[in-house]
All heavy atoms as atom14 arrays in JSON, in Angstrom:
{
  "sequence": "LPNNCRPVGDCYDTVTLSKRSLLWHSQAAAVLLWPPCAWHLGLGFVI",
  "atom14_mask": [
    [1, 1, 1, 1, 1, 1, 1, 1, 0, 0, 0, 0, 0, 0],
    [1, 1, 1, 1, 1, 1, 1, 0, 0, 0, 0, 0, 0, 0],
    [1, 1, 1, 1, 1, 1, 1, 1, 0, 0, 0, 0, 0, 0],
    [1, 1, 1, 1, 1, 1, 1, 1, 0, 0, 0, 0, 0, 0],
    [1, 1, 1, 1, 1, 1, 0, 0, 0, 0, 0, 0, 0, 0],
    [1, 1, 1, 1, 1, 1, 1, 1, 1, 1, 1, 0, 0, 0],
    [1, 1, 1, 1, 1, 1, 1, 0, 0, 0, 0, 0, 0, 0],
    [1, 1, 1, 1, 1, 1, 1, 0, 0, 0, 0, 0, 0, 0],
    [1, 1, 1, 1, 0, 0, 0, 0, 0, 0, 0, 0, 0, 0],
    [1, 1, 1, 1, 1, 1, 1, 1, 0, 0, 0, 0, 0, 0],
    [1, 1, 1, 1, 1, 1, 0, 0, 0, 0, 0, 0, 0, 0],
    [1, 1, 1, 1, 1, 1, 1, 1, 1, 1, 1, 1, 0, 0],
    [1, 1, 1, 1, 1, 1, 1, 1, 0, 0, 0, 0, 0, 0],
    [1, 1, 1, 1, 1, 1, 1, 0, 0, 0, 0, 0, 0, 0],
    [1, 1, 1, 1, 1, 1, 1, 0, 0, 0, 0, 0, 0, 0],
    [1, 1, 1, 1, 1, 1, 1, 0, 0, 0, 0, 0, 0, 0],
    [1, 1, 1, 1, 1, 1, 1, 1, 0, 0, 0, 0, 0, 0],
    [1, 1, 1, 1, 1, 1, 0, 0, 0, 0, 0, 0, 0, 0],
    [1, 1, 1, 1, 1, 1, 1, 1, 1, 0, 0, 0, 0, 0],
    [1, 1, 1, 1, 1, 1, 1, 1, 1, 1, 1, 0, 0, 0],
    [1, 1, 1, 1, 1, 1, 0, 0, 0, 0, 0, 0, 0, 0],
    [1, 1, 1, 1, 1, 1, 1, 1, 0, 0, 0, 0, 0, 0],
    [1, 1, 1, 1, 1, 1, 1, 1, 0, 0, 0, 0, 0, 0],
    [1, 1, 1, 1, 1, 1, 1, 1, 1, 1, 1, 1, 1, 1],
    [1, 1, 1, 1, 1, 1, 1, 1, 1, 1, 0, 0, 0, 0],
    [1, 1, 1, 1, 1, 1, 0, 0, 0, 0, 0, 0, 0, 0],
    [1, 1, 1, 1, 1, 1, 1, 1, 1, 0, 0, 0, 0, 0],
    [1, 1, 1, 1, 1, 0, 0, 0, 0, 0, 0, 0, 0, 0],
    [1, 1, 1, 1, 1, 0, 0, 0, 0, 0, 0, 0, 0, 0],
    [1, 1, 1, 1, 1, 0, 0, 0, 0, 0, 0, 0, 0, 0],
    [1, 1, 1, 1, 1, 1, 1, 0, 0, 0, 0, 0, 0, 0],
    [1, 1, 1, 1, 1, 1, 1, 1, 0, 0, 0, 0, 0, 0],
    [1, 1, 1, 1, 1, 1, 1, 1, 0, 0, 0, 0, 0, 0],
    [1, 1, 1, 1, 1, 1, 1, 1, 1, 1, 1, 1, 1, 1],
    [1, 1, 1, 1, 1, 1, 1, 0, 0, 0, 0, 0, 0, 0],
    [1, 1, 1, 1, 1, 1, 1, 0, 0, 0, 0, 0, 0, 0],
    [1, 1, 1, 1, 1, 1, 0, 0, 0, 0, 0, 0, 0, 0],
    [1, 1, 1, 1, 1, 0, 0, 0, 0, 0, 0, 0, 0, 0],
    [1, 1, 1, 1, 1, 1, 1, 1, 1, 1, 1, 1, 1, 1],
    [1, 1, 1, 1, 1, 1, 1, 1, 1, 1, 0, 0, 0, 0],
    [1, 1, 1, 1, 1, 1, 1, 1, 0, 0, 0, 0, 0, 0],
    [1, 1, 1, 1, 0, 0, 0, 0, 0, 0, 0, 0, 0, 0],
    [1, 1, 1, 1, 1, 1, 1, 1, 0, 0, 0, 0, 0, 0],
    [1, 1, 1, 1, 0, 0, 0, 0, 0, 0, 0, 0, 0, 0],
    [1, 1, 1, 1, 1, 1, 1, 1, 1, 1, 1, 0, 0, 0],
    [1, 1, 1, 1, 1, 1, 1, 0, 0, 0, 0, 0, 0, 0],
    [1, 1, 1, 1, 1, 1, 1, 1, 0, 0, 0, 0, 0, 0]
  ],
  "atom14_positions": [
    [[66.39, -69.96, -60.93], [65.89, -69.26, -62.11], [64.37, -69.16, -62.05], [63.7, -70.04, -61.52], [66.33, -70.0, -63.38], [67.82, -69.9, -63.69], [68.16, -70.82, -64.86], [68.22, -68.49, -64.02], [0.0, 0.0, 0.0], [0.0, 0.0, 0.0], [0.0, 0.0, 0.0], [0.0, 0.0, 0.0], [0.0, 0.0, 0.0], [0.0, 0.0, 0.0]],
    [[63.8, -68.1, -62.61], [62.35, -67.89, -62.48], [61.55, -68.97, -63.2], [61.96, -69.5, -64.23], [62.13, -66.52, -63.13], [63.3, -66.32, -64.02], [64.44, -67.06, -63.4], [0.0, 0.0, 0.0], [0.0, 0.0, 0.0], [0.0, 0.0, 0.0], [0.0, 0.0, 0.0], [0.0, 0.0, 0.0], [0.0, 0.0, 0.0], [0.0, 0.0, 0.0]],
    [[60.38, -69.27, -62.63], [59.48, -70.26, -63.23], [58.21, -69.62, -63.78], [57.32, -70.32, -64.22], [59.08, -71.3, -62.18], [60.22, -72.2, -61.83], [61.07, -72.48, -62.65], [60.25, -72.65, -60.58], [0.0, 0.0, 0.0], [0.0, 0.0, 0.0], [0.0, 0.0, 0.0], [0.0, 0.0, 0.0], [0.0, 0.0, 0.0], [0.0, 0.0, 0.0]],
    [[58.1, -68.31, -63.72], [56.84, -67.66, -64.07], [56.81, -67.18, -65.52], [56.11, -66.23, -65.83], [56.56, -66.51, -63.11], [57.71, -65.52, -63.08], [58.72, -65.7, -63.73], [57.53, -64.47, -62.3], [0.0, 0.0, 0.0], [0.0, 0.0, 0.0], [0.0, 0.0, 0.0], [0.0, 0.0, 0.0], [0.0, 0.0, 0.0], [0.0, 0.0, 0.0]],
    [[57.55, -67.8, -66.42], [57.51, -67.42, -67.83], [56.39, -68.17, -68.54], [56.09, -69.32, -68.23], [58.84, -67.77, -68.51], [60.21, -66.79, -67.9], [0.0, 0.0, 0.0], [0.0, 0.0, 0.0], [0.0, 0.0, 0.0], [0.0, 0.0, 0.0], [0.0, 0.0, 0.0], [0.0, 0.0, 0.0], [0.0, 0.0, 0.0], [0.0, 0.0, 0.0]],
    [[55.79, -67.52, -69.51], [54.78, -68.2, -70.32], [55.47, -69.21, -71.23], [56.64, -69.08, -71.54], [54.03, -67.17, -71.17], [53.24, -66.23, -70.31], [52.45, -65.3, -71.18], [51.7, -64.4, -70.32], [51.09, -63.33, -70.73], [51.15, -63.0, -72.01], [50.42, -62.6, -69.9], [0.0, 0.0, 0.0], [0.0, 0.0, 0.0], [0.0, 0.0, 0.0]],
    [[54.74, -70.24, -71.68], [55.38, -71.3, -72.46], [55.78, -70.89, -73.88], [56.09, -71.76, -74.69], [54.36, -72.41, -72.48], [53.13, -71.88, -71.92], [53.4, -70.58, -71.28], [0.0, 0.0, 0.0], [0.0, 0.0, 0.0], [0.0, 0.0, 0.0], [0.0, 0.0, 0.0], [0.0, 0.0, 0.0], [0.0, 0.0, 0.0], [0.0, 0.0, 0.0]],
    [[55.75, -69.63, -74.2], [56.22, -69.16, -75.51], [57.05, -67.91, -75.3], [56.9, -67.21, -74.3], [55.05, -68.84, -76.47], [54.31, -70.09, -76.86], [54.09, -67.84, -75.85], [0.0, 0.0, 0.0], [0.0, 0.0, 0.0], [0.0, 0.0, 0.0], [0.0, 0.0, 0.0], [0.0, 0.0, 0.0], [0.0, 0.0, 0.0], [0.0, 0.0, 0.0]],
    [[57.93, -67.63, -76.21], [58.67, -66.37, -76.16], [60.08, -66.52, -75.68], [60.56, -67.61, -75.37], [0.0, 0.0, 0.0], [0.0, 0.0, 0.0], [0.0, 0.0, 0.0], [0.0, 0.0, 0.0], [0.0, 0.0, 0.0], [0.0, 0.0, 0.0], [0.0, 0.0, 0.0], [0.0, 0.0, 0.0], [0.0, 0.0, 0.0], [0.0, 0.0, 0.0]],
    [[60.76, -65.37, -75.64], [62.18, -65.34, -75.3], [62.45, -65.74, -73.85], [63.43, -66.42, -73.56], [62.75, -63.96, -75.55], [62.81, -63.62, -77.03], [62.81, -64.58, -77.83], [62.87, -62.43, -77.36], [0.0, 0.0, 0.0], [0.0, 0.0, 0.0], [0.0, 0.0, 0.0], [0.0, 0.0, 0.0], [0.0, 0.0, 0.0], [0.0, 0.0, 0.0]],
    [[61.59, -65.31, -72.95], [61.8, -65.62, -71.53], [61.79, -67.12, -71.32], [62.69, -67.68, -70.69], [60.71, -64.96, -70.69], [60.8, -65.37, -68.93], [0.0, 0.0, 0.0], [0.0, 0.0, 0.0], [0.0, 0.0, 0.0], [0.0, 0.0, 0.0], [0.0, 0.0, 0.0], [0.0, 0.0, 0.0], [0.0, 0.0, 0.0], [0.0, 0.0, 0.0]],
    [[60.8, -67.8, -71.88], [60.68, -69.25, -71.71], [61.89, -69.97, -72.32], [62.47, -70.85, -71.7], [59.4, -69.74, -72.35], [59.19, -71.22, -72.24], [58.81, -71.78, -71.03], [59.4, -72.06, -73.32], [58.63, -73.14, -70.91], [59.22, -73.42, -73.21], [58.83, -73.96, -72.0], [58.66, -75.31, -71.89], [0.0, 0.0, 0.0], [0.0, 0.0, 0.0]],
    [[62.27, -69.56, -73.52], [63.4, -70.21, -74.19], [64.69, -70.03, -73.41], [65.44, -70.97, -73.2], [63.58, -69.66, -75.61], [62.41, -70.02, -76.51], [61.71, -70.99, -76.21], [62.22, -69.31, -77.53], [0.0, 0.0, 0.0], [0.0, 0.0, 0.0], [0.0, 0.0, 0.0], [0.0, 0.0, 0.0], [0.0, 0.0, 0.0], [0.0, 0.0, 0.0]],
    [[64.93, -68.81, -72.97], [66.17, -68.51, -72.25], [66.23, -69.25, -70.92], [67.25, -69.86, -70.59], [66.29, -67.0, -72.01], [66.21, -66.32, -73.26], [67.58, -66.65, -71.33], [0.0, 0.0, 0.0], [0.0, 0.0, 0.0], [0.0, 0.0, 0.0], [0.0, 0.0, 0.0], [0.0, 0.0, 0.0], [0.0, 0.0, 0.0], [0.0, 0.0, 0.0]],
    [[65.14, -69.2, -70.16], [65.14, -69.83, -68.84], [65.22, -71.35, -68.98], [65.97, -72.0, -68.26], [63.89, -69.41, -68.04], [63.73, -70.24, -66.79], [63.98, -67.94, -67.69], [0.0, 0.0, 0.0], [0.0, 0.0, 0.0], [0.0, 0.0, 0.0], [0.0, 0.0, 0.0], [0.0, 0.0, 0.0], [0.0, 0.0, 0.0], [0.0, 0.0, 0.0]],
    [[64.49, -71.92, -69.93], [64.51, -73.37, -70.12], [65.9, -73.85, -70.53], [66.41, -74.83, -69.98], [63.48, -73.79, -71.17], [62.2, -73.32, -70.78], [63.42, -75.29, -71.31], [0.0, 0.0, 0.0], [0.0, 0.0, 0.0], [0.0, 0.0, 0.0], [0.0, 0.0, 0.0], [0.0, 0.0, 0.0], [0.0, 0.0, 0.0], [0.0, 0.0, 0.0]],
    [[66.51, -73.15, -71.47], [67.85, -73.56, -71.9], [68.88, -73.34, -70.8], [69.8, -74.15, -70.64], [68.24, -72.8, -73.17], [67.47, -73.19, -74.42], [67.87, -72.3, -75.59], [67.71, -74.65, -74.77], [0.0, 0.0, 0.0], [0.0, 0.0, 0.0], [0.0, 0.0, 0.0], [0.0, 0.0, 0.0], [0.0, 0.0, 0.0], [0.0, 0.0, 0.0]],
    [[68.74, -72.26, -70.04], [69.68, -72.01, -68.95], [69.56, -73.08, -67.87], [70.57, -73.57, -67.36], [69.42, -70.65, -68.33], [69.68, -69.64, -69.26], [0.0, 0.0, 0.0], [0.0, 0.0, 0.0], [0.0, 0.0, 0.0], [0.0, 0.0, 0.0], [0.0, 0.0, 0.0], [0.0, 0.0, 0.0], [0.0, 0.0, 0.0], [0.0, 0.0, 0.0]],
    [[68.32, -73.45, -67.53], [68.12, -74.5, -66.53], [68.7, -75.82, -67.0], [69.38, -76.52, -66.26], [66.64, -74.67, -66.22], [66.11, -73.7, -65.24], [64.71, -74.07, -64.83], [64.24, -73.12, -63.76], [62.99, -73.53, -63.16], [0.0, 0.0, 0.0], [0.0, 0.0, 0.0], [0.0, 0.0, 0.0], [0.0, 0.0, 0.0], [0.0, 0.0, 0.0]],
    [[68.42, -76.16, -68.25], [68.92, -77.42, -68.79], [70.45, -77.42, -68.82], [71.09, -78.41, -68.47], [68.35, -77.64, -70.19], [68.62, -79.03, -70.72], [67.89, -79.28, -72.01], [66.46, -79.15, -71.81], [65.63, -78.69, -72.73], [66.07, -78.32, -73.9], [64.33, -78.61, -72.49], [0.0, 0.0, 0.0], [0.0, 0.0, 0.0], [0.0, 0.0, 0.0]],
    [[71.03, -76.29, -69.22], [72.49, -76.2, -69.29], [73.11, -76.32, -67.9], [74.09, -77.04, -67.71], [72.89, -74.88, -69.94], [74.26, -74.71, -69.91], [0.0, 0.0, 0.0], [0.0, 0.0, 0.0], [0.0, 0.0, 0.0], [0.0, 0.0, 0.0], [0.0, 0.0, 0.0], [0.0, 0.0, 0.0], [0.0, 0.0, 0.0], [0.0, 0.0, 0.0]],
    [[72.55, -75.62, -66.92], [73.09, -75.7, -65.56], [72.91, -77.1, -64.98], [73.78, -77.59, -64.25], [72.41, -74.67, -64.66], [72.93, -73.25, -64.8], [72.05, -72.29, -64.01], [74.36, -73.15, -64.34], [0.0, 0.0, 0.0], [0.0, 0.0, 0.0], [0.0, 0.0, 0.0], [0.0, 0.0, 0.0], [0.0, 0.0, 0.0], [0.0, 0.0, 0.0]],
    [[71.81, -77.76, -65.31], [71.59, -79.12, -64.83], [72.63, -80.07, -65.41], [73.23, -80.88, -64.7], [70.18, -79.58, -65.18], [69.79, -80.96, -64.67], [69.79, -80.97, -63.15], [68.43, -81.35, -65.2], [0.0, 0.0, 0.0], [0.0, 0.0, 0.0], [0.0, 0.0, 0.0], [0.0, 0.0, 0.0], [0.0, 0.0, 0.0], [0.0, 0.0, 0.0]],
    [[72.88, -79.97, -66.72], [73.89, -80.82, -67.35], [75.27, -80.53, -66.78], [76.06, -81.46, -66.54], [73.91, -80.6, -68.87], [72.84, -81.38, -69.57], [71.63, -80.92, -69.98], [72.87, -82.76, -69.93], [70.91, -81.92, -70.57], [71.66, -83.05, -70.55], [73.82, -83.76, -69.78], [71.37, -84.32, -71.03], [73.52, -85.02, -70.26], [72.31, -85.29, -70.87]],
    [[75.58, -79.27, -66.59], [76.9, -78.93, -66.05], [77.06, -79.43, -64.62], [78.14, -79.88, -64.23], [77.14, -77.42, -66.11], [77.53, -76.94, -67.45], [76.61, -76.5, -68.38], [78.73, -76.86, -68.06], [77.23, -76.15, -69.48], [78.52, -76.35, -69.32], [0.0, 0.0, 0.0], [0.0, 0.0, 0.0], [0.0, 0.0, 0.0], [0.0, 0.0, 0.0]],
    [[76.01, -79.34, -63.82], [76.11, -79.82, -62.44], [76.28, -81.34, -62.41], [77.05, -81.86, -61.59], [74.9, -79.39, -61.63], [73.73, -80.04, -62.07], [0.0, 0.0, 0.0], [0.0, 0.0, 0.0], [0.0, 0.0, 0.0], [0.0, 0.0, 0.0], [0.0, 0.0, 0.0], [0.0, 0.0, 0.0], [0.0, 0.0, 0.0], [0.0, 0.0, 0.0]],
    [[75.58, -82.05, -63.29], [75.74, -83.5, -63.33], [77.13, -83.89, -63.81], [77.75, -84.8, -63.26], [74.67, -84.12, -64.23], [73.29, -84.03, -63.64], [72.21, -84.48, -64.61], [72.46, -84.66, -65.78], [71.01, -84.64, -64.1], [0.0, 0.0, 0.0], [0.0, 0.0, 0.0], [0.0, 0.0, 0.0], [0.0, 0.0, 0.0], [0.0, 0.0, 0.0]],
    [[77.62, -83.21, -64.82], [78.97, -83.5, -65.31], [80.02, -83.17, -64.25], [80.99, -83.93, -64.06], [79.24, -82.71, -66.59], [0.0, 0.0, 0.0], [0.0, 0.0, 0.0], [0.0, 0.0, 0.0], [0.0, 0.0, 0.0], [0.0, 0.0, 0.0], [0.0, 0.0, 0.0], [0.0, 0.0, 0.0], [0.0, 0.0, 0.0], [0.0, 0.0, 0.0]],
    [[79.82, -82.07, -63.56], [80.77, -81.7, -62.5], [80.74, -82.73, -61.37], [81.79, -83.07, -60.81], [80.44, -80.3, -61.97], [0.0, 0.0, 0.0], [0.0, 0.0, 0.0], [0.0, 0.0, 0.0], [0.0, 0.0, 0.0], [0.0, 0.0, 0.0], [0.0, 0.0, 0.0], [0.0, 0.0, 0.0], [0.0, 0.0, 0.0], [0.0, 0.0, 0.0]],
    [[79.56, -83.24, -61.05], [79.47, -84.25, -60.0], [80.19, -85.53, -60.42], [80.95, -86.12, -59.63], [78.01, -84.56, -59.69], [0.0, 0.0, 0.0], [0.0, 0.0, 0.0], [0.0, 0.0, 0.0], [0.0, 0.0, 0.0], [0.0, 0.0, 0.0], [0.0, 0.0, 0.0], [0.0, 0.0, 0.0], [0.0, 0.0, 0.0], [0.0, 0.0, 0.0]],
    [[80.01, -85.94, -61.67], [80.66, -87.16, -62.15], [82.17, -86.99, -62.18], [82.92, -87.91, -61.85], [80.11, -87.55, -63.54], [80.98, -88.59, -64.21], [78.68, -88.02, -63.43], [0.0, 0.0, 0.0], [0.0, 0.0, 0.0], [0.0, 0.0, 0.0], [0.0, 0.0, 0.0], [0.0, 0.0, 0.0], [0.0, 0.0, 0.0], [0.0, 0.0, 0.0]],
    [[82.64, -85.82, -62.56], [84.07, -85.61, -62.7], [84.77, -85.21, -61.4], [85.94, -85.53, -61.21], [84.34, -84.53, -63.75], [83.96, -84.9, -65.19], [84.12, -83.7, -66.09], [84.78, -86.07, -65.67], [0.0, 0.0, 0.0], [0.0, 0.0, 0.0], [0.0, 0.0, 0.0], [0.0, 0.0, 0.0], [0.0, 0.0, 0.0], [0.0, 0.0, 0.0]],
    [[84.07, -84.52, -60.51], [84.73, -83.98, -59.33], [84.55, -84.81, -58.06], [85.43, -84.83, -57.2], [84.25, -82.56, -59.06], [84.61, -81.52, -60.1], [84.0, -80.18, -59.74], [86.1, -81.41, -60.25], [0.0, 0.0, 0.0], [0.0, 0.0, 0.0], [0.0, 0.0, 0.0], [0.0, 0.0, 0.0], [0.0, 0.0, 0.0], [0.0, 0.0, 0.0]],
    [[83.42, -85.49, -57.91], [83.19, -86.19, -56.64], [84.1, -87.4, -56.42], [84.53, -87.62, -55.28], [81.72, -86.58, -56.51], [80.87, -85.42, -56.11], [81.31, -84.2, -55.67], [79.46, -85.35, -56.11], [80.24, -83.38, -55.4], [79.1, -84.05, -55.67], [78.46, -86.23, -56.44], [77.78, -83.67, -55.54], [77.14, -85.84, -56.32], [76.81, -84.57, -55.87]],
    [[84.45, -88.19, -57.44], [85.39, -89.29, -57.15], [86.76, -88.82, -56.62], [87.22, -89.36, -55.6], [85.52, -90.02, -58.49], [84.22, -89.76, -59.17], [83.86, -88.36, -58.78], [0.0, 0.0, 0.0], [0.0, 0.0, 0.0], [0.0, 0.0, 0.0], [0.0, 0.0, 0.0], [0.0, 0.0, 0.0], [0.0, 0.0, 0.0], [0.0, 0.0, 0.0]],
    [[87.41, -87.82, -57.25], [88.67, -87.38, -56.64], [88.48, -86.74, -55.26], [89.34, -86.87, -54.39], [89.26, -86.38, -57.62], [88.32, -86.23, -58.72], [87.2, -87.17, -58.52], [0.0, 0.0, 0.0], [0.0, 0.0, 0.0], [0.0, 0.0, 0.0], [0.0, 0.0, 0.0], [0.0, 0.0, 0.0], [0.0, 0.0, 0.0], [0.0, 0.0, 0.0]],
    [[87.35, -86.07, -55.07], [87.08, -85.48, -53.75], [86.95, -86.57, -52.7], [87.52, -86.46, -51.61], [85.81, -84.64, -53.79], [85.97, -83.11, -54.67], [0.0, 0.0, 0.0], [0.0, 0.0, 0.0], [0.0, 0.0, 0.0], [0.0, 0.0, 0.0], [0.0, 0.0, 0.0], [0.0, 0.0, 0.0], [0.0, 0.0, 0.0], [0.0, 0.0, 0.0]],
    [[86.21, -87.62, -53.02], [86.06, -88.73, -52.07], [87.4, -89.38, -51.79], [87.71, -89.73, -50.65], [85.07, -89.75, -52.63], [0.0, 0.0, 0.0], [0.0, 0.0, 0.0], [0.0, 0.0, 0.0], [0.0, 0.0, 0.0], [0.0, 0.0, 0.0], [0.0, 0.0, 0.0], [0.0, 0.0, 0.0], [0.0, 0.0, 0.0], [0.0, 0.0, 0.0]],
    [[88.21, -89.53, -52.83], [89.53, -90.15, -52.64], [90.4, -89.32, -51.7], [91.01, -89.84, -50.78], [90.2, -90.3, -54.0], [91.55, -90.95, -53.9], [92.75, -90.33, -53.85], [91.8, -92.34, -53.81], [93.76, -91.26, -53.74], [93.2, -92.51, -53.72], [90.99, -93.47, -53.8], [93.8, -93.75, -53.62], [91.59, -94.7, -53.71], [92.98, -94.83, -53.62]],
    [[90.45, -88.02, -51.92], [91.31, -87.16, -51.12], [90.75, -86.88, -49.73], [91.51, -86.48, -48.84], [91.57, -85.84, -51.85], [92.49, -85.99, -53.02], [93.84, -86.14, -52.88], [92.24, -86.03, -54.35], [94.39, -86.26, -54.06], [93.43, -86.2, -54.97], [0.0, 0.0, 0.0], [0.0, 0.0, 0.0], [0.0, 0.0, 0.0], [0.0, 0.0, 0.0]],
    [[89.45, -87.05, -49.54], [88.87, -86.79, -48.23], [88.81, -88.03, -47.34], [88.17, -88.01, -46.3], [87.47, -86.19, -48.38], [87.45, -84.77, -48.93], [86.03, -84.31, -49.18], [88.16, -83.81, -48.0], [0.0, 0.0, 0.0], [0.0, 0.0, 0.0], [0.0, 0.0, 0.0], [0.0, 0.0, 0.0], [0.0, 0.0, 0.0], [0.0, 0.0, 0.0]],
    [[89.46, -89.12, -47.76], [89.55, -90.25, -46.86], [89.34, -91.61, -47.47], [89.74, -92.62, -46.9], [0.0, 0.0, 0.0], [0.0, 0.0, 0.0], [0.0, 0.0, 0.0], [0.0, 0.0, 0.0], [0.0, 0.0, 0.0], [0.0, 0.0, 0.0], [0.0, 0.0, 0.0], [0.0, 0.0, 0.0], [0.0, 0.0, 0.0], [0.0, 0.0, 0.0]],
    [[88.72, -91.7, -48.62], [88.47, -93.0, -49.22], [89.78, -93.68, -49.61], [89.94, -94.89, -49.44], [87.57, -92.86, -50.45], [87.12, -94.15, -51.11], [86.26, -94.95, -50.14], [86.36, -93.86, -52.37], [0.0, 0.0, 0.0], [0.0, 0.0, 0.0], [0.0, 0.0, 0.0], [0.0, 0.0, 0.0], [0.0, 0.0, 0.0], [0.0, 0.0, 0.0]],
    [[90.74, -92.91, -50.1], [92.04, -93.47, -50.46], [92.75, -94.07, -49.26], [93.35, -95.15, -49.34], [0.0, 0.0, 0.0], [0.0, 0.0, 0.0], [0.0, 0.0, 0.0], [0.0, 0.0, 0.0], [0.0, 0.0, 0.0], [0.0, 0.0, 0.0], [0.0, 0.0, 0.0], [0.0, 0.0, 0.0], [0.0, 0.0, 0.0], [0.0, 0.0, 0.0]],
    [[92.68, -93.39, -48.13], [93.3, -93.88, -46.91], [92.66, -95.2, -46.47], [93.35, -96.15, -46.1], [93.16, -92.84, -45.8], [93.65, -93.3, -44.48], [95.0, -93.4, -44.21], [92.75, -93.66, -43.49], [95.46, -93.84, -42.98], [93.19, -94.1, -42.26], [94.55, -94.19, -42.0], [0.0, 0.0, 0.0], [0.0, 0.0, 0.0], [0.0, 0.0, 0.0]],
    [[91.33, -95.26, -46.54], [90.62, -96.47, -46.12], [90.96, -97.64, -47.04], [91.23, -98.75, -46.57], [89.09, -96.21, -46.11], [88.32, -97.5, -45.9], [88.74, -95.2, -45.04], [0.0, 0.0, 0.0], [0.0, 0.0, 0.0], [0.0, 0.0, 0.0], [0.0, 0.0, 0.0], [0.0, 0.0, 0.0], [0.0, 0.0, 0.0], [0.0, 0.0, 0.0]],
    [[90.99, -97.4, -48.34], [91.29, -98.48, -49.29], [92.72, -98.98, -49.1], [92.97, -100.19, -49.11], [91.03, -98.02, -50.73], [89.53, -97.87, -50.95], [91.62, -98.98, -51.74], [89.15, -97.31, -52.29], [0.0, 0.0, 0.0], [0.0, 0.0, 0.0], [0.0, 0.0, 0.0], [0.0, 0.0, 0.0], [0.0, 0.0, 0.0], [0.0, 0.0, 0.0]]
  ]
}
C-alpha cells in the first residue's frame, strides 16, 4: 500500500486503516493456519 499520503485526509485514513486491517488479518491467519499446516506437513508424523 502507498506510503506517500499526507498525515491528514481521506488517503491517510484509508491507507492507515487498510494496513492495520491487513496486518491484523495476517497475524490472525498465521495463528490459526500455521499450527495445522505444521501438523500436516510432518510435525504430526514426528510426534
